[in-house]
PDB file of N, CA and C in Angstrom:
ATOM      1  N   MET A   1      84.247 123.681  97.056  1.00  0.00           N
ATOM      2  CA  MET A   1      83.315 124.612  96.465  1.00  0.00           C
ATOM      3  C   MET A   1      82.426 125.196  97.602  1.00  0.00           C
ATOM      4  N   PRO A   2      82.450 126.509  97.708  1.00  0.00           N
ATOM      5  CA  PRO A   2      81.696 127.210  98.768  1.00  0.00           C
ATOM      6  C   PRO A   2      80.165 127.007  98.521  1.00  0.00           C
ATOM      7  N   ARG A   3      79.392 126.889  99.631  1.00  0.00           N
ATOM      8  CA  ARG A   3      77.995 126.727  99.572  1.00  0.00           C
ATOM      9  C   ARG A   3      77.329 128.030 100.072  1.00  0.00           C
ATOM     10  N   HIS A   4      76.147 128.217  99.575  1.00  0.00           N
ATOM     11  CA  HIS A   4      75.368 129.480  99.923  1.00  0.00           C
ATOM     12  C   HIS A   4      73.945 129.040 100.256  1.00  0.00           C
ATOM     13  N   ILE A   5      73.433 129.398 101.388  1.00  0.00           N
ATOM     14  CA  ILE A   5      72.078 129.026 101.770  1.00  0.00           C
ATOM     15  C   ILE A   5      71.150 130.085 101.124  1.00  0.00           C
ATOM     16  N   VAL A   6      70.144 129.579 100.375  1.00  0.00           N
ATOM     17  CA  VAL A   6      69.160 130.431  99.656  1.00  0.00           C
ATOM     18  C   VAL A   6      67.945 130.546 100.496  1.00  0.00           C
ATOM     19  N   THR A   7      67.456 131.787 100.763  1.00  0.00           N
ATOM     20  CA  THR A   7      66.192 131.964 101.483  1.00  0.00           C
ATOM     21  C   THR A   7      65.287 132.999 100.815  1.00  0.00           C
ATOM     22  N   THR A   8      64.042 132.899 100.882  1.00  0.00           N
ATOM     23  CA  THR A   8      63.084 133.935 100.429  1.00  0.00           C
ATOM     24  C   THR A   8      61.908 133.953 101.355  1.00  0.00           C
ATOM     25  N   PRO A   9      61.299 135.152 101.641  1.00  0.00           N
ATOM     26  CA  PRO A   9      60.121 135.206 102.378  1.00  0.00           C
ATOM     27  C   PRO A   9      58.858 134.691 101.576  1.00  0.00           C
ATOM     28  N   ASN A  10      59.083 134.510 100.248  1.00  0.00           N
ATOM     29  CA  ASN A  10      57.963 134.154  99.360  1.00  0.00           C
ATOM     30  C   ASN A  10      57.656 132.722  99.255  1.00  0.00           C
ATOM     31  N   ALA A  11      58.301 131.860 100.204  1.00  0.00           N
ATOM     32  CA  ALA A  11      58.102 130.456 100.213  1.00  0.00           C
ATOM     33  C   ALA A  11      58.074 130.032 101.695  1.00  0.00           C
ATOM     34  N   PRO A  12      57.518 128.920 102.033  1.00  0.00           N
ATOM     35  CA  PRO A  12      57.511 128.508 103.439  1.00  0.00           C
ATOM     36  C   PRO A  12      58.970 128.230 103.910  1.00  0.00           C
ATOM     37  N   THR A  13      59.180 128.468 105.179  1.00  0.00           N
ATOM     38  CA  THR A  13      60.543 128.230 105.795  1.00  0.00           C
ATOM     39  C   THR A  13      60.431 127.078 106.819  1.00  0.00           C
ATOM     40  N   SER A  14      61.523 126.596 107.193  1.00  0.00           N
ATOM     41  CA  SER A  14      61.558 125.487 108.267  1.00  0.00           C
ATOM     42  C   SER A  14      62.880 125.735 109.036  1.00  0.00           C
ATOM     43  N   PRO A  15      62.659 125.474 110.414  1.00  0.00           N
ATOM     44  CA  PRO A  15      63.928 125.556 111.148  1.00  0.00           C
ATOM     45  C   PRO A  15      64.805 124.302 111.065  1.00  0.00           C
ATOM     46  N   VAL A  16      64.260 123.276 110.252  1.00  0.00           N
ATOM     47  CA  VAL A  16      64.935 121.971 110.115  1.00  0.00           C
ATOM     48  C   VAL A  16      65.814 121.931 108.867  1.00  0.00           C
ATOM     49  N   TRP A  17      65.409 122.564 107.738  1.00  0.00           N
ATOM     50  CA  TRP A  17      66.112 122.476 106.522  1.00  0.00           C
ATOM     51  C   TRP A  17      66.152 123.816 105.778  1.00  0.00           C
ATOM     52  N   SER A  18      67.105 124.030 104.881  1.00  0.00           N
ATOM     53  CA  SER A  18      67.142 125.278 104.139  1.00  0.00           C
ATOM     54  C   SER A  18      66.174 125.117 102.856  1.00  0.00           C
ATOM     55  N   GLN A  19      65.741 126.281 102.408  1.00  0.00           N
ATOM     56  CA  GLN A  19      64.837 126.261 101.249  1.00  0.00           C
ATOM     57  C   GLN A  19      65.641 125.751 100.026  1.00  0.00           C
ATOM     58  N   ALA A  20      66.921 126.175  99.973  1.00  0.00           N
ATOM     59  CA  ALA A  20      67.791 125.693  98.921  1.00  0.00           C
ATOM     60  C   ALA A  20      69.242 125.971  99.290  1.00  0.00           C
ATOM     61  N   VAL A  21      70.147 125.266  98.694  1.00  0.00           N
ATOM     62  CA  VAL A  21      71.590 125.465  98.805  1.00  0.00           C
ATOM     63  C   VAL A  21      72.189 125.652  97.476  1.00  0.00           C
ATOM     64  N   LYS A  22      72.919 126.601  97.276  1.00  0.00           N
ATOM     65  CA  LYS A  22      73.577 126.894  96.013  1.00  0.00           C
ATOM     66  C   LYS A  22      75.060 126.599  96.161  1.00  0.00           C
ATOM     67  N   ALA A  23      75.572 125.731  95.224  1.00  0.00           N
ATOM     68  CA  ALA A  23      76.918 125.395  95.250  1.00  0.00           C
ATOM     69  C   ALA A  23      77.513 125.641  93.816  1.00  0.00           C
ATOM     70  N   GLY A  24      78.327 126.644  93.597  1.00  0.00           N
ATOM     71  CA  GLY A  24      78.702 127.003  92.252  1.00  0.00           C
ATOM     72  C   GLY A  24      77.526 127.304  91.429  1.00  0.00           C
ATOM     73  N   HIS A  25      77.362 126.660  90.313  1.00  0.00           N
ATOM     74  CA  HIS A  25      76.173 126.971  89.446  1.00  0.00           C
ATOM     75  C   HIS A  25      75.038 126.023  89.724  1.00  0.00           C
ATOM     76  N   LEU A  26      75.148 125.182  90.692  1.00  0.00           N
ATOM     77  CA  LEU A  26      74.071 124.254  91.034  1.00  0.00           C
ATOM     78  C   LEU A  26      73.224 124.723  92.136  1.00  0.00           C
ATOM     79  N   VAL A  27      71.893 124.467  92.090  1.00  0.00           N
ATOM     80  CA  VAL A  27      70.958 124.843  93.183  1.00  0.00           C
ATOM     81  C   VAL A  27      70.253 123.581  93.553  1.00  0.00           C
ATOM     82  N   PHE A  28      70.289 123.234  94.832  1.00  0.00           N
ATOM     83  CA  PHE A  28      69.552 122.109  95.308  1.00  0.00           C
ATOM     84  C   PHE A  28      68.403 122.487  96.179  1.00  0.00           C
ATOM     85  N   VAL A  29      67.211 122.117  95.738  1.00  0.00           N
ATOM     86  CA  VAL A  29      65.998 122.505  96.394  1.00  0.00           C
ATOM     87  C   VAL A  29      65.240 121.249  96.842  1.00  0.00           C
ATOM     88  N   SER A  30      64.769 121.127  98.057  1.00  0.00           N
ATOM     89  CA  SER A  30      63.979 119.905  98.487  1.00  0.00           C
ATOM     90  C   SER A  30      63.042 120.325  99.615  1.00  0.00           C
ATOM     91  N   GLY A  31      62.099 119.398  99.789  1.00  0.00           N
ATOM     92  CA  GLY A  31      61.129 119.593 100.878  1.00  0.00           C
ATOM     93  C   GLY A  31      60.086 120.633 100.524  1.00  0.00           C
ATOM     94  N   ILE A  32      59.774 120.865  99.324  1.00  0.00           N
ATOM     95  CA  ILE A  32      58.802 121.930  98.865  1.00  0.00           C
ATOM     96  C   ILE A  32      57.418 121.272  99.059  1.00  0.00           C
ATOM     97  N   VAL A  33      56.603 121.973  99.724  1.00  0.00           N
ATOM     98  CA  VAL A  33      55.180 121.519  99.920  1.00  0.00           C
ATOM     99  C   VAL A  33      54.196 122.566  99.518  1.00  0.00           C
ATOM    100  N   GLY A  34      52.960 122.219  99.450  1.00  0.00           N
ATOM    101  CA  GLY A  34      51.907 123.104  99.000  1.00  0.00           C
ATOM    102  C   GLY A  34      51.345 124.042 100.053  1.00  0.00           C
ATOM    103  N   ILE A  35      52.237 124.623 100.843  1.00  0.00           N
ATOM    104  CA  ILE A  35      51.782 125.489 101.902  1.00  0.00           C
ATOM    105  C   ILE A  35      51.884 126.922 101.329  1.00  0.00           C
ATOM    106  N   ASP A  36      50.868 127.728 101.621  1.00  0.00           N
ATOM    107  CA  ASP A  36      50.866 129.119 101.240  1.00  0.00           C
ATOM    108  C   ASP A  36      51.755 129.829 102.327  1.00  0.00           C
ATOM    109  N   PRO A  37      52.808 130.506 101.919  1.00  0.00           N
ATOM    110  CA  PRO A  37      53.658 131.177 102.859  1.00  0.00           C
ATOM    111  C   PRO A  37      53.020 132.354 103.595  1.00  0.00           C
ATOM    112  N   ARG A  38      51.921 132.858 103.123  1.00  0.00           N
ATOM    113  CA  ARG A  38      51.215 133.986 103.775  1.00  0.00           C
ATOM    114  C   ARG A  38      50.362 133.513 104.914  1.00  0.00           C
ATOM    115  N   THR A  39      49.813 132.307 104.734  1.00  0.00           N
ATOM    116  CA  THR A  39      48.904 131.844 105.766  1.00  0.00           C
ATOM    117  C   THR A  39      49.460 130.640 106.635  1.00  0.00           C
ATOM    118  N   GLY A  40      50.454 129.971 106.044  1.00  0.00           N
ATOM    119  CA  GLY A  40      51.125 128.929 106.840  1.00  0.00           C
ATOM    120  C   GLY A  40      50.170 127.605 106.703  1.00  0.00           C
ATOM    121  N   ALA A  41      49.121 127.633 105.818  1.00  0.00           N
ATOM    122  CA  ALA A  41      48.246 126.510 105.751  1.00  0.00           C
ATOM    123  C   ALA A  41      48.288 125.909 104.343  1.00  0.00           C
ATOM    124  N   LEU A  42      47.893 124.690 104.214  1.00  0.00           N
ATOM    125  CA  LEU A  42      47.884 124.059 102.838  1.00  0.00           C
ATOM    126  C   LEU A  42      47.083 124.922 101.953  1.00  0.00           C
ATOM    127  N   ALA A  43      47.519 125.068 100.683  1.00  0.00           N
ATOM    128  CA  ALA A  43      46.716 125.926  99.717  1.00  0.00           C
ATOM    129  C   ALA A  43      45.528 125.063  99.125  1.00  0.00           C
ATOM    130  N   GLY A  44      44.437 125.426  99.453  1.00  0.00           N
ATOM    131  CA  GLY A  44      43.202 124.823  98.911  1.00  0.00           C
ATOM    132  C   GLY A  44      43.023 123.381  99.385  1.00  0.00           C
ATOM    133  N   GLU A  45      42.032 122.761  98.908  1.00  0.00           N
ATOM    134  CA  GLU A  45      41.610 121.478  99.367  1.00  0.00           C
ATOM    135  C   GLU A  45      41.911 120.348  98.355  1.00  0.00           C
ATOM    136  N   THR A  46      42.249 120.741  97.064  1.00  0.00           N
ATOM    137  CA  THR A  46      42.523 119.729  96.102  1.00  0.00           C
ATOM    138  C   THR A  46      44.037 119.568  95.843  1.00  0.00           C
ATOM    139  N   ILE A  47      44.402 118.367  95.318  1.00  0.00           N
ATOM    140  CA  ILE A  47      45.809 118.176  95.056  1.00  0.00           C
ATOM    141  C   ILE A  47      46.292 119.099  93.931  1.00  0.00           C
ATOM    142  N   GLN A  48      45.464 119.482  93.098  1.00  0.00           N
ATOM    143  CA  GLN A  48      45.827 120.393  91.997  1.00  0.00           C
ATOM    144  C   GLN A  48      46.241 121.780  92.576  1.00  0.00           C
ATOM    145  N   GLU A  49      45.415 122.236  93.580  1.00  0.00           N
ATOM    146  CA  GLU A  49      45.811 123.590  94.254  1.00  0.00           C
ATOM    147  C   GLU A  49      47.045 123.411  95.054  1.00  0.00           C
ATOM    148  N   GLN A  50      47.211 122.297  95.703  1.00  0.00           N
ATOM    149  CA  GLN A  50      48.391 122.156  96.544  1.00  0.00           C
ATOM    150  C   GLN A  50      49.652 121.948  95.702  1.00  0.00           C
ATOM    151  N   THR A  51      49.486 121.228  94.485  1.00  0.00           N
ATOM    152  CA  THR A  51      50.609 121.114  93.614  1.00  0.00           C
ATOM    153  C   THR A  51      50.998 122.430  93.023  1.00  0.00           C
ATOM    154  N   ARG A  52      49.992 123.203  92.598  1.00  0.00           N
ATOM    155  CA  ARG A  52      50.229 124.594  92.041  1.00  0.00           C
ATOM    156  C   ARG A  52      51.069 125.435  93.087  1.00  0.00           C
ATOM    157  N   GLN A  53      50.599 125.371  94.357  1.00  0.00           N
ATOM    158  CA  GLN A  53      51.351 126.112  95.302  1.00  0.00           C
ATOM    159  C   GLN A  53      52.715 125.646  95.647  1.00  0.00           C
ATOM    160  N   ALA A  54      52.994 124.328  95.604  1.00  0.00           N
ATOM    161  CA  ALA A  54      54.288 123.766  95.790  1.00  0.00           C
ATOM    162  C   ALA A  54      55.196 124.181  94.665  1.00  0.00           C
ATOM    163  N   LEU A  55      54.687 124.188  93.411  1.00  0.00           N
ATOM    164  CA  LEU A  55      55.510 124.726  92.359  1.00  0.00           C
ATOM    165  C   LEU A  55      55.746 126.153  92.337  1.00  0.00           C
ATOM    166  N   THR A  56      54.772 126.877  92.802  1.00  0.00           N
ATOM    167  CA  THR A  56      54.995 128.292  92.922  1.00  0.00           C
ATOM    168  C   THR A  56      56.078 128.585  93.972  1.00  0.00           C
ATOM    169  N   ASN A  57      56.051 127.842  95.074  1.00  0.00           N
ATOM    170  CA  ASN A  57      56.979 127.950  96.128  1.00  0.00           C
ATOM    171  C   ASN A  57      58.428 127.629  95.566  1.00  0.00           C
ATOM    172  N   CYS A  58      58.504 126.599  94.737  1.00  0.00           N
ATOM    173  CA  CYS A  58      59.775 126.228  94.146  1.00  0.00           C
ATOM    174  C   CYS A  58      60.227 127.315  93.177  1.00  0.00           C
ATOM    175  N   GLU A  59      59.295 127.938  92.392  1.00  0.00           N
ATOM    176  CA  GLU A  59      59.709 128.923  91.460  1.00  0.00           C
ATOM    177  C   GLU A  59      60.273 130.183  92.257  1.00  0.00           C
ATOM    178  N   GLU A  60      59.664 130.515  93.392  1.00  0.00           N
ATOM    179  CA  GLU A  60      60.127 131.595  94.191  1.00  0.00           C
ATOM    180  C   GLU A  60      61.511 131.359  94.793  1.00  0.00           C
ATOM    181  N   ILE A  61      61.751 130.151  95.197  1.00  0.00           N
ATOM    182  CA  ILE A  61      63.061 129.754  95.752  1.00  0.00           C
ATOM    183  C   ILE A  61      64.120 129.821  94.731  1.00  0.00           C
ATOM    184  N   LEU A  62      63.734 129.228  93.478  1.00  0.00           N
ATOM    185  CA  LEU A  62      64.802 129.293  92.405  1.00  0.00           C
ATOM    186  C   LEU A  62      65.063 130.775  91.973  1.00  0.00           C
ATOM    187  N   ASP A  63      64.039 131.581  91.969  1.00  0.00           N
ATOM    188  CA  ASP A  63      64.229 132.995  91.594  1.00  0.00           C
ATOM    189  C   ASP A  63      65.268 133.591  92.598  1.00  0.00           C
ATOM    190  N   ALA A  64      65.060 133.362  93.876  1.00  0.00           N
ATOM    191  CA  ALA A  64      66.009 133.844  94.911  1.00  0.00           C
ATOM    192  C   ALA A  64      67.430 133.406  94.686  1.00  0.00           C
ATOM    193  N   ALA A  65      67.601 132.240  94.082  1.00  0.00           N
ATOM    194  CA  ALA A  65      68.901 131.637  93.794  1.00  0.00           C
ATOM    195  C   ALA A  65      69.366 132.029  92.475  1.00  0.00           C
ATOM    196  N   GLY A  66      68.624 132.878  91.643  1.00  0.00           N
ATOM    197  CA  GLY A  66      69.084 133.297  90.350  1.00  0.00           C
ATOM    198  C   GLY A  66      68.819 132.183  89.245  1.00  0.00           C
ATOM    199  N   ALA A  67      67.871 131.352  89.476  1.00  0.00           N
ATOM    200  CA  ALA A  67      67.587 130.326  88.607  1.00  0.00           C
ATOM    201  C   ALA A  67      66.025 130.358  88.176  1.00  0.00           C
ATOM    202  N   THR A  68      65.618 129.536  87.246  1.00  0.00           N
ATOM    203  CA  THR A  68      64.281 129.484  86.839  1.00  0.00           C
ATOM    204  C   THR A  68      63.791 128.055  86.792  1.00  0.00           C
ATOM    205  N   MET A  69      62.557 127.837  86.585  1.00  0.00           N
ATOM    206  CA  MET A  69      61.969 126.488  86.436  1.00  0.00           C
ATOM    207  C   MET A  69      62.565 125.770  85.192  1.00  0.00           C
ATOM    208  N   ASP A  70      62.995 126.519  84.178  1.00  0.00           N
ATOM    209  CA  ASP A  70      63.658 125.969  83.039  1.00  0.00           C
ATOM    210  C   ASP A  70      64.948 125.293  83.330  1.00  0.00           C
ATOM    211  N   ASP A  71      65.564 125.686  84.455  1.00  0.00           N
ATOM    212  CA  ASP A  71      66.859 125.099  84.850  1.00  0.00           C
ATOM    213  C   ASP A  71      66.760 123.758  85.575  1.00  0.00           C
ATOM    214  N   ILE A  72      65.591 123.379  85.918  1.00  0.00           N
ATOM    215  CA  ILE A  72      65.388 122.139  86.607  1.00  0.00           C
ATOM    216  C   ILE A  72      65.838 120.928  85.778  1.00  0.00           C
ATOM    217  N   VAL A  73      66.603 120.087  86.402  1.00  0.00           N
ATOM    218  CA  VAL A  73      67.048 118.848  85.801  1.00  0.00           C
ATOM    219  C   VAL A  73      66.303 117.610  86.145  1.00  0.00           C
ATOM    220  N   GLU A  74      65.893 117.492  87.540  1.00  0.00           N
ATOM    221  CA  GLU A  74      65.186 116.394  88.053  1.00  0.00           C
ATOM    222  C   GLU A  74      64.201 116.764  89.147  1.00  0.00           C
ATOM    223  N   VAL A  75      63.087 116.059  89.168  1.00  0.00           N
ATOM    224  CA  VAL A  75      62.128 116.403  90.123  1.00  0.00           C
ATOM    225  C   VAL A  75      61.727 115.039  90.784  1.00  0.00           C
ATOM    226  N   CYS A  76      61.520 114.927  92.019  1.00  0.00           N
ATOM    227  CA  CYS A  76      61.034 113.808  92.777  1.00  0.00           C
ATOM    228  C   CYS A  76      59.788 114.261  93.483  1.00  0.00           C
ATOM    229  N   THR A  77      58.602 113.607  93.327  1.00  0.00           N
ATOM    230  CA  THR A  77      57.492 113.955  94.046  1.00  0.00           C
ATOM    231  C   THR A  77      57.037 112.874  94.999  1.00  0.00           C
ATOM    232  N   LEU A  78      56.535 113.204  96.107  1.00  0.00           N
ATOM    233  CA  LEU A  78      56.082 112.226  97.109  1.00  0.00           C
ATOM    234  C   LEU A  78      54.534 112.639  97.414  1.00  0.00           C
ATOM    235  N   LEU A  79      53.747 111.614  97.352  1.00  0.00           N
ATOM    236  CA  LEU A  79      52.380 111.806  97.654  1.00  0.00           C
ATOM    237  C   LEU A  79      51.908 111.011  98.889  1.00  0.00           C
ATOM    238  N   THR A  80      51.104 111.524  99.659  1.00  0.00           N
ATOM    239  CA  THR A  80      50.647 110.729 100.832  1.00  0.00           C
ATOM    240  C   THR A  80      49.514 109.778 100.387  1.00  0.00           C
ATOM    241  N   ASP A  81      48.836 109.996  99.334  1.00  0.00           N
ATOM    242  CA  ASP A  81      47.767 109.130  98.783  1.00  0.00           C
ATOM    243  C   ASP A  81      48.055 108.904  97.260  1.00  0.00           C
ATOM    244  N   PRO A  82      48.454 107.689  96.898  1.00  0.00           N
ATOM    245  CA  PRO A  82      48.665 107.387  95.434  1.00  0.00           C
ATOM    246  C   PRO A  82      47.430 107.683  94.619  1.00  0.00           C
ATOM    247  N   ALA A  83      46.300 107.777  95.106  1.00  0.00           N
ATOM    248  CA  ALA A  83      45.080 108.138  94.307  1.00  0.00           C
ATOM    249  C   ALA A  83      45.149 109.575  93.859  1.00  0.00           C
ATOM    250  N   ASP A  84      45.981 110.410  94.406  1.00  0.00           N
ATOM    251  CA  ASP A  84      46.201 111.795  94.006  1.00  0.00           C
ATOM    252  C   ASP A  84      47.176 111.947  92.816  1.00  0.00           C
ATOM    253  N   PHE A  85      47.727 110.921  92.330  1.00  0.00           N
ATOM    254  CA  PHE A  85      48.642 111.057  91.246  1.00  0.00           C
ATOM    255  C   PHE A  85      48.099 111.717  90.019  1.00  0.00           C
ATOM    256  N   ASP A  86      46.949 111.343  89.581  1.00  0.00           N
ATOM    257  CA  ASP A  86      46.445 111.914  88.283  1.00  0.00           C
ATOM    258  C   ASP A  86      46.198 113.408  88.463  1.00  0.00           C
ATOM    259  N   GLY A  87      45.652 113.823  89.572  1.00  0.00           N
ATOM    260  CA  GLY A  87      45.371 115.276  89.872  1.00  0.00           C
ATOM    261  C   GLY A  87      46.676 115.999  90.000  1.00  0.00           C
ATOM    262  N   MET A  88      47.725 115.441  90.644  1.00  0.00           N
ATOM    263  CA  MET A  88      49.032 116.105  90.771  1.00  0.00           C
ATOM    264  C   MET A  88      49.635 116.191  89.402  1.00  0.00           C
ATOM    265  N   ASN A  89      49.570 115.146  88.629  1.00  0.00           N
ATOM    266  CA  ASN A  89      50.153 115.156  87.302  1.00  0.00           C
ATOM    267  C   ASN A  89      49.488 116.200  86.377  1.00  0.00           C
ATOM    268  N   GLU A  90      48.140 116.340  86.485  1.00  0.00           N
ATOM    269  CA  GLU A  90      47.438 117.309  85.702  1.00  0.00           C
ATOM    270  C   GLU A  90      47.978 118.677  85.878  1.00  0.00           C
ATOM    271  N   GLU A  91      48.241 119.053  87.112  1.00  0.00           N
ATOM    272  CA  GLU A  91      48.782 120.450  87.337  1.00  0.00           C
ATOM    273  C   GLU A  91      50.230 120.499  86.936  1.00  0.00           C
ATOM    274  N   TYR A  92      50.985 119.402  87.292  1.00  0.00           N
ATOM    275  CA  TYR A  92      52.450 119.333  87.035  1.00  0.00           C
ATOM    276  C   TYR A  92      52.754 119.493  85.546  1.00  0.00           C
ATOM    277  N   ALA A  93      51.942 118.900  84.725  1.00  0.00           N
ATOM    278  CA  ALA A  93      52.042 118.983  83.286  1.00  0.00           C
ATOM    279  C   ALA A  93      51.937 120.365  82.669  1.00  0.00           C
ATOM    280  N   LYS A  94      51.212 121.216  83.430  1.00  0.00           N
ATOM    281  CA  LYS A  94      51.106 122.697  83.002  1.00  0.00           C
ATOM    282  C   LYS A  94      52.432 123.449  83.284  1.00  0.00           C
ATOM    283  N   TRP A  95      53.224 122.981  84.206  1.00  0.00           N
ATOM    284  CA  TRP A  95      54.454 123.587  84.560  1.00  0.00           C
ATOM    285  C   TRP A  95      55.609 123.150  83.755  1.00  0.00           C
ATOM    286  N   PHE A  96      55.515 121.824  83.377  1.00  0.00           N
ATOM    287  CA  PHE A  96      56.617 121.192  82.608  1.00  0.00           C
ATOM    288  C   PHE A  96      55.981 120.493  81.355  1.00  0.00           C
ATOM    289  N   PRO A  97      55.681 121.339  80.426  1.00  0.00           N
ATOM    290  CA  PRO A  97      55.041 120.764  79.157  1.00  0.00           C
ATOM    291  C   PRO A  97      56.020 119.889  78.340  1.00  0.00           C
TER     292      PRO A  97
END
């Protein structure tokens, strides 16, 4: 199955990994962080703001791949501080009701 690298200027980029890889009808996205692609800095000071930006970045990447947030099957989140879980989950629940 041929693979296609997905890129968009509307989300942060990295020289180390692709924003997404599309294989057939599947889109694989990973390494999404709460960085504002316009500034290159973390978006805001709260976990809610950073979660919102990470999900916005994911939405932009999926759009570039021809998909939407409704197409997501699985999400894995990593936090540097477990105390941020409630705040992350507060914003996350708005995106995935």
